[in-house]
Structures are given as structure tokens and as C-alpha cells.
C-alpha atoms as a PDB file:
ATOM      1  CA  MET A   1     -32.468  13.176  30.839  1.00  0.00           C
ATOM      2  CA  GLU A   2     -33.443  13.831  34.429  1.00  0.00           C
ATOM      3  CA  TYR A   3     -31.719  10.586  35.431  1.00  0.00           C
ATOM      4  CA  ILE A   4     -28.400  11.886  34.082  1.00  0.00           C
ATOM      5  CA  TYR A   5     -28.957  15.244  35.775  1.00  0.00           C
ATOM      6  CA  GLY A   6     -29.598  13.455  39.056  1.00  0.00           C
ATOM      7  CA  ALA A   7     -26.410  11.439  38.626  1.00  0.00           C
ATOM      8  CA  MET A   8     -24.429  14.592  37.872  1.00  0.00           C
ATOM      9  CA  LEU A   9     -25.848  16.245  40.976  1.00  0.00           C
ATOM     10  CA  LEU A  10     -24.792  13.271  43.096  1.00  0.00           C
ATOM     11  CA  HIS A  11     -21.338  13.364  41.526  1.00  0.00           C
ATOM     12  CA  LYS A  12     -20.979  17.092  42.181  1.00  0.00           C
ATOM     13  CA  ALA A  13     -21.966  16.518  45.814  1.00  0.00           C
ATOM     14  CA  GLY A  14     -19.279  13.826  46.120  1.00  0.00           C
ATOM     15  CA  LYS A  15     -21.806  11.047  46.650  1.00  0.00           C
ATOM     16  CA  ASP A  16     -21.736   7.573  45.130  1.00  0.00           C
ATOM     17  CA  ILE A  17     -24.121   7.129  42.231  1.00  0.00           C
ATOM     18  CA  THR A  18     -26.216   4.220  43.445  1.00  0.00           C
ATOM     19  CA  SER A  19     -29.785   3.241  42.650  1.00  0.00           C
ATOM     20  CA  LYS A  20     -30.859   4.224  46.147  1.00  0.00           C
ATOM     21  CA  ALA A  21     -29.162   7.648  46.041  1.00  0.00           C
ATOM     22  CA  LEU A  22     -30.399   8.392  42.522  1.00  0.00           C
ATOM     23  CA  ASN A  23     -33.929   7.365  43.467  1.00  0.00           C
ATOM     24  CA  ALA A  24     -33.855   9.648  46.514  1.00  0.00           C
ATOM     25  CA  THR A  25     -32.470  12.576  44.501  1.00  0.00           C
ATOM     26  CA  LEU A  26     -35.078  12.288  41.760  1.00  0.00           C
ATOM     27  CA  SER A  27     -37.905  11.805  44.247  1.00  0.00           C
ATOM     28  CA  ALA A  28     -36.798  14.897  46.161  1.00  0.00           C
ATOM     29  CA  ALA A  29     -37.006  16.850  42.901  1.00  0.00           C
ATOM     30  CA  GLY A  30     -40.612  15.737  42.453  1.00  0.00           C
ATOM     31  CA  ILE A  31     -39.915  13.367  39.564  1.00  0.00           C
ATOM     32  CA  THR A  32     -41.890  10.175  39.203  1.00  0.00           C
ATOM     33  CA  VAL A  33     -39.161   7.543  39.289  1.00  0.00           C
ATOM     34  CA  ASP A  34     -38.998   4.500  37.019  1.00  0.00           C
ATOM     35  CA  GLU A  35     -37.024   1.931  39.047  1.00  0.00           C
ATOM     36  CA  SER A  36     -35.694   0.125  35.966  1.00  0.00           C
ATOM     37  CA  ARG A  37     -34.306   3.376  34.513  1.00  0.00           C
ATOM     38  CA  VAL A  38     -32.728   4.262  37.861  1.00  0.00           C
ATOM     39  CA  LYS A  39     -31.019   0.877  38.052  1.00  0.00           C
ATOM     40  CA  ALA A  40     -29.913   1.056  34.413  1.00  0.00           C
ATOM     41  CA  THR A  41     -28.480   4.552  34.857  1.00  0.00           C
ATOM     42  CA  ALA A  42     -26.617   3.632  38.048  1.00  0.00           C
ATOM     43  CA  ALA A  43     -25.243   0.464  36.437  1.00  0.00           C
ATOM     44  CA  ALA A  44     -24.198   2.285  33.260  1.00  0.00           C
ATOM     45  CA  LEU A  45     -22.308   4.939  35.246  1.00  0.00           C
ATOM     46  CA  LYS A  46     -20.664   2.507  37.669  1.00  0.00           C
ATOM     47  CA  ASP A  47     -17.268   2.392  35.902  1.00  0.00           C
ATOM     48  CA  VAL A  48     -17.428   5.787  34.160  1.00  0.00           C
ATOM     49  CA  ASP A  49     -14.900   8.499  35.011  1.00  0.00           C
ATOM     50  CA  ILE A  50     -17.377  11.373  35.072  1.00  0.00           C
ATOM     51  CA  GLU A  51     -14.711  14.076  35.421  1.00  0.00           C
ATOM     52  CA  LYS A  52     -13.024  12.791  32.252  1.00  0.00           C
ATOM     53  CA  VAL A  53     -16.317  12.772  30.353  1.00  0.00           C
ATOM     54  CA  ILE A  54     -17.105  16.329  31.486  1.00  0.00           C
ATOM     55  CA  SER A  55     -13.685  17.629  30.437  1.00  0.00           C
ATOM     56  CA  GLU A  56     -13.939  15.920  27.032  1.00  0.00           C
ATOM     57  CA  THR A  57     -17.420  17.349  26.542  1.00  0.00           C
ATOM     58  CA  GLN A  58     -16.195  20.863  27.328  1.00  0.00           C
ATOM     59  CA  ILE A  59     -13.452  20.514  24.716  1.00  0.00           C
ATOM     60  CA  ALA A  60     -15.954  19.243  22.147  1.00  0.00           C
ATOM     61  CA  SER A  61     -18.368  22.068  22.977  1.00  0.00           C
ATOM     62  CA  ALA A  62     -15.660  24.669  22.462  1.00  0.00           C
ATOM     63  CA  ALA A  63     -14.881  23.227  19.023  1.00  0.00           C
ATOM     64  CA  ALA A  64     -18.522  22.937  17.909  1.00  0.00           C
ATOM     65  CA  PRO A  65     -19.131  26.602  16.919  1.00  0.00           C
ATOM     66  CA  THR A  66     -16.080  26.495  14.647  1.00  0.00           C
ATOM     67  CA  ALA A  67     -17.439  23.437  12.872  1.00  0.00           C
ATOM     68  CA  ALA A  68     -20.900  24.995  12.466  1.00  0.00           C
ATOM     69  CA  ALA A  69     -19.645  28.145  10.711  1.00  0.00           C
ATOM     70  CA  PRO A  70     -19.171  26.613   7.209  1.00  0.00           C
ATOM     71  CA  ALA A  71     -22.748  25.286   7.248  1.00  0.00           C
ATOM     72  CA  ALA A  72     -24.087  28.808   7.740  1.00  0.00           C
ATOM     73  CA  GLU A  73     -22.095  30.085   4.768  1.00  0.00           C
ATOM     74  CA  SER A  74     -23.642  27.546   2.423  1.00  0.00           C
ATOM     75  CA  SER A  75     -27.183  28.367   3.533  1.00  0.00           C
ATOM     76  CA  GLY A  76     -27.316  31.616   1.597  1.00  0.00           C
ATOM     77  CA  GLU A  77     -27.429  35.332   2.296  1.00  0.00           C
ATOM     78  CA  LYS A  78     -30.044  35.166   5.044  1.00  0.00           C
ATOM     79  CA  ALA A  79     -27.891  32.808   7.119  1.00  0.00           C
ATOM     80  CA  ASN A  80     -24.915  35.131   6.711  1.00  0.00           C
ATOM     81  CA  GLU A  81     -26.935  38.098   7.952  1.00  0.00           C
ATOM     82  CA  GLU A  82     -28.117  36.186  11.026  1.00  0.00           C
ATOM     83  CA  ALA A  83     -24.813  34.469  11.775  1.00  0.00           C
ATOM     84  CA  ALA A  84     -22.697  37.564  12.420  1.00  0.00           C
ATOM     85  CA  PRO A  85     -24.297  40.247  14.575  1.00  0.00           C
ATOM     86  CA  ALA A  86     -22.730  43.681  14.380  1.00  0.00           C
ATOM     87  CA  LYS A  87     -19.907  44.265  16.840  1.00  0.00           C
ATOM     88  CA  GLU A  88     -20.184  47.232  19.136  1.00  0.00           C
ATOM     89  CA  GLU A  89     -17.169  49.448  19.594  1.00  0.00           C
ATOM     90  CA  VAL A  90     -15.786  49.638  23.094  1.00  0.00           C
ATOM     91  CA  LYS A  91     -15.291  53.237  24.167  1.00  0.00           C
ATOM     92  CA  ALA A  92     -12.539  54.052  26.632  1.00  0.00           C
ATOM     93  CA  VAL A  93     -14.005  55.731  29.691  1.00  0.00           C
ATOM     94  CA  SER A  94     -11.978  57.985  31.977  1.00  0.00           C
ATOM     95  CA  GLU A  95     -12.069  57.641  35.754  1.00  0.00           C
ATOM     96  CA  GLU A  96     -13.808  61.019  35.922  1.00  0.00           C
ATOM     97  CA  GLU A  97     -16.683  59.790  33.728  1.00  0.00           C
ATOM     98  CA  VAL A  98     -17.000  56.643  35.811  1.00  0.00           C
ATOM     99  CA  SER A  99     -17.212  58.580  39.069  1.00  0.00           C
ATOM    100  CA  GLU A 100     -19.806  60.931  37.562  1.00  0.00           C
ATOM    101  CA  GLY A 101     -21.903  57.935  36.544  1.00  0.00           C
ATOM    102  CA  LEU A 102     -21.669  56.407  40.002  1.00  0.00           C
ATOM    103  CA  GLY A 103     -22.597  59.747  41.562  1.00  0.00           C
ATOM    104  CA  ALA A 104     -25.836  59.731  39.567  1.00  0.00           C
ATOM    105  CA  LEU A 105     -26.739  56.389  41.122  1.00  0.00           C
ATOM    106  CA  PHE A 106     -26.470  57.679  44.669  1.00  0.00           C
ATOM    107  CA  GLY A 107     -27.929  61.137  44.087  1.00  0.00           C
END
């Protein structure tokens, strides 16, 4: 996994994901580098549009909790109790109350 993290770091920095750059990044992080894995990772990511993959992953991640909800319902009562924590009510606070609270911070 650290090889992918290193590649993502290089991508975020705007650098090319090459074997040399990935090796340097992982070494700087104190990771013992396996040259064959570095070369394989760099080669596998050569023609990948990383921005597209990241955006697709974010969409899939947003949809995942919705898909997981039916599984919790079928697990029984205990799953239902754990799945939905109690919601706290939001109390409207006046500006006066806010300024009093801030005054307490500064004595």
C-alpha cells in the first residue's frame, strides 16, 4: 500500500511517477524499498488518469454507506441499536449568549 501512497504523493506534488522518483519518495519516508514493486507500480500507473480514478472513488465512497444500511437491518436488533446513534438537538443561541461565553474565555 505504501507504494500507492508514494505514487499519490508524487501526483499531488505534480511530479512524474517514475521508478526513480517513487524509490526516492519511499526511501525518504524510511521504507525499505523493493525495486521490483517500485518498477511494477510505476509501470502500472504510467497510462492511468489518476484524477479520474480519484473522482470515481469519491463518488463510490459517497454511495457506499447507503448500500451498507440494508445489511445492518438484517443483522438483528443489536445492529439497529448500533447503526443509528441518537441525534442531538441543535439549540439556537442568541448573540448575547455567545458574547457571554466568549467573555468567560478571556476573563
